[in-house]
Structures are given as structure tokens and as C-alpha cells.
N, C-alpha and C. Protein backbone atom coordinates (compact mmCIF):
# COMPACT_ATOMS: atom_id res chain seq x y z
N GLN A 1 -44.03 11.56 -48.86
CA GLN A 1 -44.12 11.49 -50.31
C GLN A 1 -44.47 12.85 -50.88
N VAL A 2 -44.02 13.08 -52.11
CA VAL A 2 -44.28 14.32 -52.83
C VAL A 2 -44.91 13.97 -54.16
N GLN A 3 -45.93 14.72 -54.51
CA GLN A 3 -46.57 14.57 -55.81
C GLN A 3 -46.33 15.83 -56.64
N LEU A 4 -46.03 15.65 -57.90
CA LEU A 4 -45.73 16.75 -58.81
C LEU A 4 -46.62 16.64 -60.04
N VAL A 5 -47.21 17.75 -60.43
CA VAL A 5 -48.08 17.78 -61.59
C VAL A 5 -47.69 18.96 -62.46
N GLU A 6 -47.25 18.68 -63.69
CA GLU A 6 -46.86 19.72 -64.62
C GLU A 6 -48.04 20.15 -65.48
N SER A 7 -47.95 21.37 -65.98
CA SER A 7 -48.92 21.88 -66.93
C SER A 7 -48.28 22.99 -67.74
N GLY A 8 -48.91 23.38 -68.82
CA GLY A 8 -48.47 24.51 -69.60
C GLY A 8 -47.79 24.19 -70.92
N GLY A 9 -47.58 22.92 -71.19
CA GLY A 9 -46.96 22.55 -72.45
C GLY A 9 -47.88 22.81 -73.62
N GLY A 10 -47.32 22.76 -74.80
CA GLY A 10 -48.09 22.99 -76.01
C GLY A 10 -47.20 23.08 -77.22
N SER A 11 -47.79 23.51 -78.31
CA SER A 11 -47.09 23.65 -79.58
C SER A 11 -46.98 25.12 -79.94
N VAL A 12 -45.77 25.57 -80.25
CA VAL A 12 -45.53 26.97 -80.59
C VAL A 12 -44.57 27.06 -81.77
N GLN A 13 -44.56 28.22 -82.39
CA GLN A 13 -43.62 28.50 -83.46
C GLN A 13 -42.27 28.89 -82.89
N ALA A 14 -41.22 28.64 -83.64
CA ALA A 14 -39.89 29.07 -83.23
C ALA A 14 -39.89 30.56 -82.93
N GLY A 15 -39.22 30.94 -81.86
CA GLY A 15 -39.20 32.31 -81.42
C GLY A 15 -40.28 32.66 -80.42
N GLY A 16 -41.22 31.76 -80.22
CA GLY A 16 -42.30 31.99 -79.29
C GLY A 16 -41.93 31.68 -77.86
N SER A 17 -42.92 31.77 -76.99
CA SER A 17 -42.71 31.58 -75.56
C SER A 17 -43.76 30.67 -74.97
N LEU A 18 -43.37 29.99 -73.91
CA LEU A 18 -44.27 29.18 -73.10
C LEU A 18 -43.82 29.26 -71.66
N THR A 19 -44.76 29.10 -70.74
CA THR A 19 -44.45 29.02 -69.33
C THR A 19 -45.02 27.72 -68.78
N LEU A 20 -44.16 26.90 -68.22
CA LEU A 20 -44.56 25.65 -67.61
C LEU A 20 -44.74 25.85 -66.11
N SER A 21 -45.66 25.10 -65.54
CA SER A 21 -45.91 25.13 -64.10
C SER A 21 -45.82 23.73 -63.53
N CYS A 22 -45.42 23.65 -62.28
CA CYS A 22 -45.34 22.38 -61.57
C CYS A 22 -45.91 22.60 -60.18
N ALA A 23 -47.02 21.96 -59.90
CA ALA A 23 -47.65 22.05 -58.59
C ALA A 23 -47.18 20.89 -57.72
N ALA A 24 -46.64 21.21 -56.56
CA ALA A 24 -46.14 20.20 -55.64
C ALA A 24 -47.09 20.07 -54.46
N SER A 25 -47.29 18.85 -54.02
CA SER A 25 -48.12 18.59 -52.86
C SER A 25 -47.53 17.44 -52.06
N GLY A 26 -48.06 17.23 -50.88
CA GLY A 26 -47.54 16.21 -49.99
C GLY A 26 -46.51 16.78 -49.04
N SER A 27 -45.42 16.07 -48.85
CA SER A 27 -44.39 16.46 -47.89
C SER A 27 -43.42 17.46 -48.51
N THR A 28 -43.95 18.59 -48.92
CA THR A 28 -43.13 19.57 -49.62
C THR A 28 -42.07 20.21 -48.72
N TYR A 29 -42.26 20.12 -47.41
CA TYR A 29 -41.27 20.67 -46.49
C TYR A 29 -39.93 19.97 -46.59
N SER A 30 -39.93 18.77 -47.12
CA SER A 30 -38.70 17.99 -47.21
C SER A 30 -37.87 18.31 -48.45
N ILE A 31 -38.40 19.10 -49.37
CA ILE A 31 -37.72 19.35 -50.63
C ILE A 31 -36.57 20.33 -50.44
N THR A 32 -35.42 19.98 -50.99
CA THR A 32 -34.26 20.87 -50.97
C THR A 32 -34.02 21.54 -52.31
N CYS A 33 -34.25 20.82 -53.40
CA CYS A 33 -34.08 21.37 -54.73
C CYS A 33 -35.21 20.90 -55.64
N MET A 34 -35.58 21.75 -56.57
CA MET A 34 -36.50 21.37 -57.62
C MET A 34 -35.86 21.73 -58.95
N ALA A 35 -36.20 20.96 -59.97
CA ALA A 35 -35.54 21.14 -61.25
C ALA A 35 -36.48 20.80 -62.39
N TRP A 36 -36.12 21.29 -63.56
CA TRP A 36 -36.78 20.90 -64.80
C TRP A 36 -35.81 20.08 -65.63
N PHE A 37 -36.29 18.96 -66.12
CA PHE A 37 -35.56 18.12 -67.05
C PHE A 37 -36.35 18.04 -68.35
N ARG A 38 -35.67 17.62 -69.40
CA ARG A 38 -36.36 17.37 -70.65
C ARG A 38 -35.75 16.18 -71.36
N GLN A 39 -36.55 15.53 -72.16
CA GLN A 39 -36.08 14.36 -72.89
C GLN A 39 -36.73 14.34 -74.27
N ALA A 40 -35.89 14.34 -75.28
CA ALA A 40 -36.34 14.22 -76.66
C ALA A 40 -36.18 12.78 -77.12
N PRO A 41 -36.93 12.37 -78.13
CA PRO A 41 -36.81 11.00 -78.62
C PRO A 41 -35.38 10.65 -79.00
N GLY A 42 -34.91 9.51 -78.53
CA GLY A 42 -33.57 9.06 -78.84
C GLY A 42 -32.47 9.71 -78.05
N LYS A 43 -32.81 10.58 -77.12
CA LYS A 43 -31.81 11.27 -76.32
C LYS A 43 -31.99 10.97 -74.84
N GLU A 44 -30.94 11.19 -74.07
CA GLU A 44 -31.00 11.02 -72.64
C GLU A 44 -31.73 12.19 -72.00
N ARG A 45 -32.29 11.93 -70.84
CA ARG A 45 -32.94 13.00 -70.09
C ARG A 45 -31.87 13.97 -69.58
N GLU A 46 -32.06 15.25 -69.83
CA GLU A 46 -31.07 16.24 -69.45
C GLU A 46 -31.66 17.29 -68.53
N GLY A 47 -30.84 17.75 -67.60
CA GLY A 47 -31.27 18.82 -66.72
C GLY A 47 -31.30 20.14 -67.46
N VAL A 48 -32.35 20.91 -67.24
CA VAL A 48 -32.54 22.20 -67.87
C VAL A 48 -32.23 23.33 -66.91
N ALA A 49 -32.81 23.27 -65.72
CA ALA A 49 -32.63 24.31 -64.72
C ALA A 49 -32.94 23.74 -63.34
N ILE A 50 -32.32 24.31 -62.33
CA ILE A 50 -32.54 23.86 -60.96
C ILE A 50 -32.62 25.08 -60.04
N ILE A 51 -33.40 24.96 -58.99
CA ILE A 51 -33.51 26.02 -58.00
C ILE A 51 -33.53 25.39 -56.62
N THR A 52 -32.86 26.03 -55.67
CA THR A 52 -32.87 25.55 -54.29
C THR A 52 -34.03 26.16 -53.54
N ASN A 53 -34.52 25.44 -52.55
CA ASN A 53 -35.61 25.92 -51.71
C ASN A 53 -35.12 26.54 -50.41
N THR A 54 -33.82 26.69 -50.26
CA THR A 54 -33.24 27.31 -49.09
C THR A 54 -32.91 28.77 -49.39
N GLY A 55 -32.91 29.58 -48.34
CA GLY A 55 -32.63 30.99 -48.51
C GLY A 55 -33.86 31.76 -48.95
N SER A 56 -33.75 33.08 -48.87
CA SER A 56 -34.89 33.92 -49.20
C SER A 56 -35.08 34.09 -50.69
N SER A 57 -33.98 34.21 -51.43
CA SER A 57 -34.06 34.39 -52.87
C SER A 57 -33.73 33.13 -53.65
N GLY A 58 -33.08 32.19 -53.00
CA GLY A 58 -32.72 30.96 -53.66
C GLY A 58 -31.54 31.11 -54.60
N SER A 59 -31.10 30.00 -55.13
CA SER A 59 -30.02 29.97 -56.11
C SER A 59 -30.47 29.11 -57.28
N VAL A 60 -30.00 29.46 -58.45
CA VAL A 60 -30.41 28.76 -59.66
C VAL A 60 -29.21 28.41 -60.51
N LEU A 61 -29.37 27.36 -61.31
CA LEU A 61 -28.39 26.96 -62.30
C LEU A 61 -29.13 26.60 -63.57
N TYR A 62 -28.49 26.84 -64.71
CA TYR A 62 -29.09 26.53 -66.00
C TYR A 62 -28.13 25.74 -66.86
N ALA A 63 -28.69 24.91 -67.70
CA ALA A 63 -27.90 24.29 -68.74
C ALA A 63 -27.45 25.35 -69.73
N ASP A 64 -26.26 25.16 -70.30
CA ASP A 64 -25.73 26.14 -71.24
C ASP A 64 -26.67 26.36 -72.42
N SER A 65 -27.38 25.33 -72.81
CA SER A 65 -28.22 25.41 -73.99
C SER A 65 -29.43 26.33 -73.81
N VAL A 66 -29.80 26.63 -72.57
CA VAL A 66 -30.98 27.46 -72.32
C VAL A 66 -30.65 28.75 -71.59
N LEU A 67 -29.42 28.92 -71.19
CA LEU A 67 -29.01 30.10 -70.44
C LEU A 67 -29.34 31.37 -71.22
N GLY A 68 -30.00 32.30 -70.57
CA GLY A 68 -30.39 33.54 -71.20
C GLY A 68 -31.75 33.50 -71.86
N ARG A 69 -32.30 32.32 -72.04
CA ARG A 69 -33.61 32.18 -72.67
C ARG A 69 -34.68 31.68 -71.70
N PHE A 70 -34.29 30.82 -70.76
CA PHE A 70 -35.23 30.23 -69.82
C PHE A 70 -35.01 30.82 -68.43
N THR A 71 -36.08 30.89 -67.65
CA THR A 71 -36.01 31.37 -66.28
C THR A 71 -36.80 30.43 -65.38
N ILE A 72 -36.15 29.93 -64.33
CA ILE A 72 -36.81 29.09 -63.35
C ILE A 72 -37.14 29.93 -62.13
N SER A 73 -38.30 29.69 -61.54
CA SER A 73 -38.72 30.45 -60.37
C SER A 73 -39.71 29.63 -59.56
N GLN A 74 -39.99 30.07 -58.34
CA GLN A 74 -40.97 29.41 -57.49
C GLN A 74 -41.68 30.45 -56.64
N ASP A 75 -42.84 30.08 -56.10
CA ASP A 75 -43.57 31.02 -55.26
C ASP A 75 -43.05 30.98 -53.83
N ASN A 76 -43.58 31.88 -53.00
CA ASN A 76 -43.07 32.01 -51.63
C ASN A 76 -43.29 30.76 -50.80
N ALA A 77 -44.33 30.03 -51.07
CA ALA A 77 -44.64 28.83 -50.31
C ALA A 77 -43.84 27.61 -50.79
N LYS A 78 -43.07 27.80 -51.84
CA LYS A 78 -42.25 26.72 -52.41
C LYS A 78 -43.08 25.53 -52.87
N ASN A 79 -44.31 25.81 -53.24
CA ASN A 79 -45.16 24.72 -53.68
C ASN A 79 -45.52 24.76 -55.17
N THR A 80 -45.04 25.78 -55.86
CA THR A 80 -45.26 25.87 -57.30
C THR A 80 -43.97 26.29 -57.99
N LEU A 81 -43.57 25.53 -58.95
CA LEU A 81 -42.37 25.78 -59.73
C LEU A 81 -42.75 26.22 -61.13
N TYR A 82 -41.99 27.15 -61.69
CA TYR A 82 -42.26 27.65 -63.03
C TYR A 82 -41.01 27.58 -63.89
N LEU A 83 -41.24 27.46 -65.17
CA LEU A 83 -40.17 27.58 -66.15
C LEU A 83 -40.68 28.46 -67.28
N GLN A 84 -40.18 29.68 -67.33
CA GLN A 84 -40.51 30.59 -68.42
C GLN A 84 -39.52 30.37 -69.55
N MET A 85 -40.04 30.06 -70.71
CA MET A 85 -39.22 29.73 -71.86
C MET A 85 -39.46 30.75 -72.96
N ASN A 86 -38.43 31.46 -73.33
CA ASN A 86 -38.50 32.47 -74.38
C ASN A 86 -37.58 32.08 -75.53
N SER A 87 -37.80 32.71 -76.67
CA SER A 87 -36.97 32.49 -77.86
C SER A 87 -36.81 31.00 -78.14
N LEU A 88 -37.91 30.30 -78.14
CA LEU A 88 -37.87 28.86 -78.30
C LEU A 88 -37.34 28.46 -79.67
N LYS A 89 -36.59 27.37 -79.66
CA LYS A 89 -36.00 26.81 -80.87
C LYS A 89 -36.54 25.41 -81.10
N ALA A 90 -36.39 24.93 -82.32
CA ALA A 90 -36.82 23.58 -82.62
C ALA A 90 -36.12 22.56 -81.72
N GLY A 91 -34.87 22.84 -81.36
CA GLY A 91 -34.12 21.95 -80.49
C GLY A 91 -34.64 21.87 -79.08
N ASP A 92 -35.56 22.75 -78.71
CA ASP A 92 -36.18 22.70 -77.39
C ASP A 92 -37.33 21.70 -77.33
N THR A 93 -37.72 21.16 -78.45
CA THR A 93 -38.81 20.20 -78.49
C THR A 93 -38.46 18.97 -77.66
N ALA A 94 -39.30 18.66 -76.69
CA ALA A 94 -39.04 17.54 -75.78
C ALA A 94 -40.21 17.39 -74.83
N MET A 95 -40.20 16.28 -74.11
CA MET A 95 -41.08 16.14 -72.96
C MET A 95 -40.37 16.77 -71.77
N TYR A 96 -41.03 17.68 -71.10
CA TYR A 96 -40.45 18.38 -69.97
C TYR A 96 -41.00 17.82 -68.67
N TYR A 97 -40.10 17.53 -67.74
CA TYR A 97 -40.46 16.93 -66.46
C TYR A 97 -40.05 17.82 -65.30
N CYS A 98 -40.90 17.90 -64.33
CA CYS A 98 -40.59 18.53 -63.06
C CYS A 98 -40.04 17.47 -62.12
N ALA A 99 -39.00 17.82 -61.37
CA ALA A 99 -38.38 16.88 -60.46
C ALA A 99 -38.07 17.55 -59.14
N ALA A 100 -38.03 16.76 -58.07
CA ALA A 100 -37.72 17.27 -56.75
C ALA A 100 -36.90 16.25 -55.98
N THR A 101 -36.11 16.75 -55.04
CA THR A 101 -35.32 15.87 -54.19
C THR A 101 -35.28 16.41 -52.77
N TRP A 102 -35.08 15.51 -51.82
CA TRP A 102 -34.92 15.87 -50.42
C TRP A 102 -33.44 15.89 -50.01
N ARG A 103 -32.57 15.55 -50.93
CA ARG A 103 -31.16 15.40 -50.62
C ARG A 103 -30.46 16.74 -50.46
N TYR A 104 -29.51 16.77 -49.56
CA TYR A 104 -28.64 17.93 -49.44
C TYR A 104 -27.50 17.83 -50.43
N GLY A 105 -26.92 18.97 -50.74
CA GLY A 105 -25.90 18.99 -51.77
C GLY A 105 -26.48 18.71 -53.14
N CYS A 106 -27.72 19.08 -53.34
CA CYS A 106 -28.41 18.73 -54.58
C CYS A 106 -27.93 19.49 -55.80
N PHE A 107 -27.14 20.53 -55.62
CA PHE A 107 -26.57 21.23 -56.76
C PHE A 107 -25.39 20.47 -57.36
N SER A 108 -24.83 19.55 -56.60
CA SER A 108 -23.69 18.79 -57.06
C SER A 108 -24.17 17.70 -58.01
N GLY A 109 -23.68 17.74 -59.24
CA GLY A 109 -24.12 16.79 -60.24
C GLY A 109 -25.60 16.88 -60.50
N TRP A 110 -26.13 18.07 -60.53
CA TRP A 110 -27.58 18.28 -60.55
C TRP A 110 -28.25 17.80 -61.81
N GLN A 111 -27.51 17.64 -62.88
CA GLN A 111 -28.11 17.24 -64.14
C GLN A 111 -28.29 15.74 -64.27
N ARG A 112 -28.00 15.01 -63.21
CA ARG A 112 -28.25 13.57 -63.19
C ARG A 112 -29.68 13.30 -62.76
N ALA A 113 -30.44 12.65 -63.60
CA ALA A 113 -31.80 12.31 -63.25
C ALA A 113 -31.86 11.42 -62.02
N ALA A 114 -30.82 10.60 -61.83
CA ALA A 114 -30.79 9.69 -60.69
C ALA A 114 -30.69 10.42 -59.37
N GLY A 115 -30.34 11.69 -59.39
CA GLY A 115 -30.24 12.46 -58.17
C GLY A 115 -31.56 13.00 -57.65
N PHE A 116 -32.63 12.74 -58.36
CA PHE A 116 -33.94 13.25 -57.97
C PHE A 116 -34.89 12.11 -57.64
N ASP A 117 -35.73 12.35 -56.67
CA ASP A 117 -36.55 11.30 -56.08
C ASP A 117 -38.01 11.33 -56.52
N TYR A 118 -38.49 12.49 -56.90
CA TYR A 118 -39.89 12.64 -57.27
C TYR A 118 -39.99 13.27 -58.65
N TRP A 119 -40.94 12.77 -59.43
CA TRP A 119 -41.10 13.21 -60.81
C TRP A 119 -42.56 13.41 -61.16
N GLY A 120 -42.81 14.41 -61.98
CA GLY A 120 -44.13 14.59 -62.55
C GLY A 120 -44.31 13.70 -63.76
N GLN A 121 -45.48 13.77 -64.34
CA GLN A 121 -45.81 12.91 -65.48
C GLN A 121 -45.26 13.44 -66.79
N GLY A 122 -44.85 14.69 -66.82
CA GLY A 122 -44.30 15.29 -68.01
C GLY A 122 -45.33 16.09 -68.78
N THR A 123 -44.86 17.11 -69.48
CA THR A 123 -45.71 17.89 -70.36
C THR A 123 -44.94 18.15 -71.65
N GLN A 124 -45.59 17.94 -72.77
CA GLN A 124 -44.93 18.01 -74.06
C GLN A 124 -44.80 19.44 -74.55
N VAL A 125 -43.61 19.79 -75.01
CA VAL A 125 -43.35 21.07 -75.65
C VAL A 125 -42.88 20.78 -77.07
N THR A 126 -43.58 21.33 -78.04
CA THR A 126 -43.23 21.14 -79.43
C THR A 126 -43.03 22.50 -80.09
N VAL A 127 -41.86 22.70 -80.66
CA VAL A 127 -41.52 23.96 -81.32
C VAL A 127 -41.34 23.68 -82.80
N SER A 128 -42.13 24.33 -83.61
CA SER A 128 -42.08 24.13 -85.05
C SER A 128 -41.43 25.31 -85.74
N SER A 129 -40.82 25.04 -86.86
CA SER A 129 -40.17 26.08 -87.66
C SER A 129 -40.69 26.12 -89.07
């Protein structure tokens, strides 16, 4: 089992920045990919960014809506995930969730929430204008 705990959410003005953290514990050796999702009221949960835990530098993918503004990263032990969010917009307002999976081929259809097995409790990000 894997446990995920997010932190770092808050309320900021448009154009501001926030960095989210996700601490992973338990059977972290089994994780192949970790990702950030977000869900706004009345909308489906959408994938924001994903990173693989294989390789020395890893590989990342971003949703078009955040490309160039958000950066996903992890530490050397692969036990802490980060999402640096810059140039925040009102449309970024959502509950942000950390997710992890043990599945291989996790980059395929990565924006499907059903493809992930472990989830954090979520942290709220509110961007005001």
C-alpha cells in the first residue's frame, strides 16, 4: 500500500505562484508514475502533469492548459512529488490531488483518473482576480 499526503495549497492572486508537495510513504518502490490531478466544481477530474519514476532524470508530460507555467518534479528518493505553479489564473482554481500507480505503461492514457491506484486527500488552490 502507498499513502499520499498533499500540502501547499492556498489562496493567491492571479499571476502569483504556489508550490504543492506530495509526501509518499509505504510501498513506494512499487510506484511507476506519479501525477497531479485537479477537479473544479462541476467538472471532471483532469490530469495536470505526470512524471515517471524510472530513469535518472525521468520523463514528464503536461496538460496543454498548464504547459509552460507548471513544473512537476520529485526528489532523488522518489518519495516526494512537487508541482510548482507559476502565472496562476482564475481557471486554475480547483482541488489538486496527488496520484500514484504501480502499473507499467502509465504514460498511456495518463489523464484518466481510473489509471491511478493511490490518491491523496487533496489540497485546495484558489486563484482570485
